[in-house]
Amino acid sequence: NEVKVPKENLLGDATGGFYYLMNMLAQERLTNACGAVAGAEAALQVTIDYVRERKAFDRPISHFQNTRFKLAEMRTQIDVAQVFVDRCVMDHNQKKLTPEVAAEAKLFTTELLGRVVDEGVQLHGGWGYMWEYPICKMYANARIQRIFAGTSEIMKEIISRGMKL
């Protein structure tokens, strides 16, 4: 309360705070997208390790076709997301990343993270809902990613406005 900042310590225009915040949202959303892809990759790796070790009907659950198909879907979706995020990073470095594309990256990757950790919990079975297992913590932590830097619904609004409907 009642803190005074000397004028010589002011960074930028005193009335430009909202502009400065809005100016950095695309970068914040891109950062969020990078973290979501990394989180999805980590969840996939934890799940792969688990299904190789866990047995059902006297064989590792990694040998079941359903498990392999689920892992293949996750691998593909993460790889596609990584390519898109890499392109966004290149665009950002060239100052060409638009707010709409940053919103697409944030929307797609955080929703993907939610799906991957959810599938990871499912493949862990009952153990996936136990705090002792990393996938359970990943599941809990992934949920906030669809809220940080603007909710998924806000991302959809930004994307659709850019489409000039």
Protein backbone atom coordinates (compact mmCIF):
# COMPACT_ATOMS: atom_id res chain seq x y z
CA ASN A 1 0.00 0.00 0.00
CA GLU A 2 1.04 3.54 -0.77
CA VAL A 3 4.32 2.56 -2.43
CA LYS A 4 5.94 5.37 -4.40
CA VAL A 5 8.11 4.59 -7.41
CA PRO A 6 10.44 7.39 -8.52
CA LYS A 7 9.82 8.62 -12.09
CA GLU A 8 13.35 7.66 -13.11
CA ASN A 9 12.49 4.01 -12.33
CA LEU A 10 9.45 3.93 -14.62
CA LEU A 11 9.68 1.47 -17.50
CA GLY A 12 7.74 2.63 -20.56
CA ASP A 13 4.67 4.84 -20.59
CA ALA A 14 2.76 4.99 -17.29
CA THR A 15 -0.55 4.73 -19.19
CA GLY A 16 0.57 1.90 -21.47
CA GLY A 17 0.27 -1.07 -19.11
CA PHE A 18 -2.68 -2.68 -20.90
CA TYR A 19 -0.96 -2.24 -24.28
CA TYR A 20 2.23 -3.81 -22.94
CA LEU A 21 0.25 -6.74 -21.58
CA MET A 22 -1.67 -7.26 -24.82
CA ASN A 23 1.51 -6.93 -26.87
CA MET A 24 3.05 -9.95 -25.13
CA LEU A 25 0.03 -12.29 -25.14
CA ALA A 26 1.04 -14.09 -28.34
CA GLN A 27 4.45 -14.87 -26.84
CA GLU A 28 2.85 -16.00 -23.57
CA ARG A 29 0.49 -18.29 -25.47
CA LEU A 30 3.36 -19.69 -27.51
CA THR A 31 5.29 -20.37 -24.31
CA ASN A 32 2.23 -22.15 -22.95
CA ALA A 33 2.00 -24.22 -26.15
CA CYS A 34 5.68 -25.23 -25.85
CA GLY A 35 5.08 -26.37 -22.28
CA ALA A 36 1.97 -28.30 -23.25
CA VAL A 37 3.79 -30.25 -25.96
CA ALA A 38 6.62 -31.01 -23.53
CA GLY A 39 4.09 -32.10 -20.91
CA ALA A 40 2.32 -34.37 -23.39
CA GLU A 41 5.64 -35.93 -24.36
CA ALA A 42 6.52 -36.54 -20.70
CA ALA A 43 3.11 -38.11 -20.05
CA LEU A 44 3.54 -40.37 -23.06
CA GLN A 45 6.99 -41.50 -21.90
CA VAL A 46 5.75 -42.21 -18.35
CA THR A 47 2.88 -44.23 -19.83
CA ILE A 48 5.16 -46.18 -22.16
CA ASP A 49 7.41 -47.08 -19.24
CA TYR A 50 4.42 -48.23 -17.22
CA VAL A 51 2.75 -50.37 -19.92
CA ARG A 52 6.05 -52.15 -20.60
CA GLU A 53 6.25 -53.23 -16.95
CA ARG A 54 2.59 -53.79 -16.00
CA LYS A 55 1.20 -57.22 -16.78
CA ALA A 56 -2.32 -58.46 -17.36
CA PHE A 57 -3.19 -62.03 -18.37
CA ASP A 58 0.49 -62.96 -17.97
CA ARG A 59 1.85 -60.48 -20.52
CA PRO A 60 2.84 -56.80 -20.52
CA ILE A 61 -0.10 -54.57 -21.37
CA SER A 62 2.12 -53.01 -24.05
CA HIS A 63 1.52 -56.23 -26.02
CA PHE A 64 -2.21 -55.59 -26.32
CA GLN A 65 -3.35 -54.10 -29.61
CA ASN A 66 -5.56 -51.48 -27.94
CA THR A 67 -2.62 -50.22 -25.88
CA ARG A 68 -0.35 -50.04 -28.92
CA PHE A 69 -3.02 -48.21 -30.94
CA LYS A 70 -3.61 -45.67 -28.15
CA LEU A 71 0.12 -45.02 -27.84
CA ALA A 72 0.44 -44.68 -31.62
CA GLU A 73 -2.35 -42.09 -31.66
CA MET A 74 -0.68 -40.11 -28.88
CA ARG A 75 2.73 -40.30 -30.58
CA THR A 76 1.28 -39.03 -33.86
CA GLN A 77 -0.68 -36.18 -32.29
CA ILE A 78 2.31 -35.03 -30.23
CA ASP A 79 4.60 -35.11 -33.27
CA VAL A 80 2.13 -33.06 -35.33
CA ALA A 81 1.74 -30.56 -32.49
CA GLN A 82 5.52 -30.27 -32.16
CA VAL A 83 5.91 -29.41 -35.84
CA PHE A 84 3.23 -26.71 -35.58
CA VAL A 85 4.78 -25.24 -32.43
CA ASP A 86 8.23 -25.27 -34.05
CA ARG A 87 6.80 -23.30 -36.97
CA CYS A 88 5.20 -20.85 -34.54
CA VAL A 89 8.55 -20.38 -32.77
CA MET A 90 10.21 -19.61 -36.11
CA ASP A 91 7.43 -17.15 -36.95
CA HIS A 92 7.80 -15.52 -33.52
CA ASN A 93 11.56 -15.17 -33.99
CA GLN A 94 10.88 -13.38 -37.28
CA LYS A 95 8.17 -11.24 -35.63
CA LYS A 96 5.53 -12.85 -37.87
CA LEU A 97 3.51 -14.76 -35.26
CA THR A 98 -0.06 -13.46 -35.29
CA PRO A 99 -2.34 -13.47 -32.25
CA GLU A 100 -4.66 -15.86 -34.07
CA VAL A 101 -1.97 -18.43 -34.82
CA ALA A 102 -0.62 -18.18 -31.27
CA ALA A 103 -4.17 -18.83 -30.06
CA GLU A 104 -4.41 -21.87 -32.35
CA ALA A 105 -1.16 -23.24 -30.94
CA LYS A 106 -2.25 -22.67 -27.35
CA LEU A 107 -5.71 -24.15 -27.96
CA PHE A 108 -4.52 -27.24 -29.82
CA THR A 109 -1.59 -28.13 -27.57
CA THR A 110 -3.31 -27.62 -24.22
CA GLU A 111 -6.33 -29.65 -25.36
CA LEU A 112 -3.89 -32.31 -26.61
CA LEU A 113 -2.11 -32.34 -23.26
CA GLY A 114 -5.45 -32.95 -21.56
CA ARG A 115 -6.23 -35.87 -23.86
CA VAL A 116 -2.77 -37.44 -23.52
CA VAL A 117 -2.68 -37.35 -19.72
CA ASP A 118 -6.25 -38.63 -19.60
CA GLU A 119 -5.32 -41.56 -21.84
CA GLY A 120 -2.20 -42.10 -19.73
CA VAL A 121 -4.32 -42.38 -16.60
CA GLN A 122 -6.61 -44.82 -18.40
CA LEU A 123 -3.70 -47.02 -19.48
CA HIS A 124 -2.35 -47.01 -15.93
CA GLY A 125 -5.68 -48.37 -14.73
CA GLY A 126 -6.45 -47.79 -11.06
CA TRP A 127 -2.81 -46.95 -10.39
CA GLY A 128 -3.15 -43.90 -12.61
CA TYR A 129 -5.36 -42.26 -10.01
CA MET A 130 -2.86 -42.72 -7.19
CA TRP A 131 -0.70 -39.74 -6.21
CA GLU A 132 2.36 -42.00 -6.02
CA TYR A 133 2.37 -42.26 -9.81
CA PRO A 134 3.65 -39.33 -11.90
CA ILE A 135 0.76 -39.61 -14.37
CA CYS A 136 -1.71 -38.71 -11.62
CA LYS A 137 0.15 -35.48 -10.85
CA MET A 138 0.47 -34.75 -14.56
CA TYR A 139 -3.29 -35.21 -14.90
CA ALA A 140 -3.99 -32.75 -12.10
CA ASN A 141 -1.47 -30.20 -13.40
CA ALA A 142 -2.60 -30.41 -17.03
CA ARG A 143 -6.05 -29.03 -16.32
CA ILE A 144 -4.88 -25.49 -15.58
CA GLN A 145 -3.11 -25.26 -18.93
CA ARG A 146 -6.47 -24.82 -20.68
CA ILE A 147 -7.06 -21.78 -18.46
CA PHE A 148 -3.64 -20.02 -18.29
CA ALA A 149 -3.11 -17.20 -20.82
CA GLY A 150 -6.77 -17.33 -21.79
CA THR A 151 -9.23 -20.21 -21.69
CA SER A 152 -9.81 -22.53 -24.62
CA GLU A 153 -13.06 -20.68 -25.27
CA ILE A 154 -11.21 -17.35 -25.48
CA MET A 155 -8.72 -18.92 -27.91
CA LYS A 156 -11.63 -20.03 -30.10
CA GLU A 157 -13.04 -16.49 -30.02
CA ILE A 158 -9.68 -15.00 -31.08
CA ILE A 159 -9.28 -17.55 -33.87
CA SER A 160 -12.82 -17.05 -35.18
CA ARG A 161 -12.48 -13.25 -35.12
CA GLY A 162 -9.36 -13.59 -37.25
CA MET A 163 -11.43 -15.55 -39.75
CA LYS A 164 -13.56 -12.41 -40.28
CA LEU A 165 -16.82 -14.35 -40.17
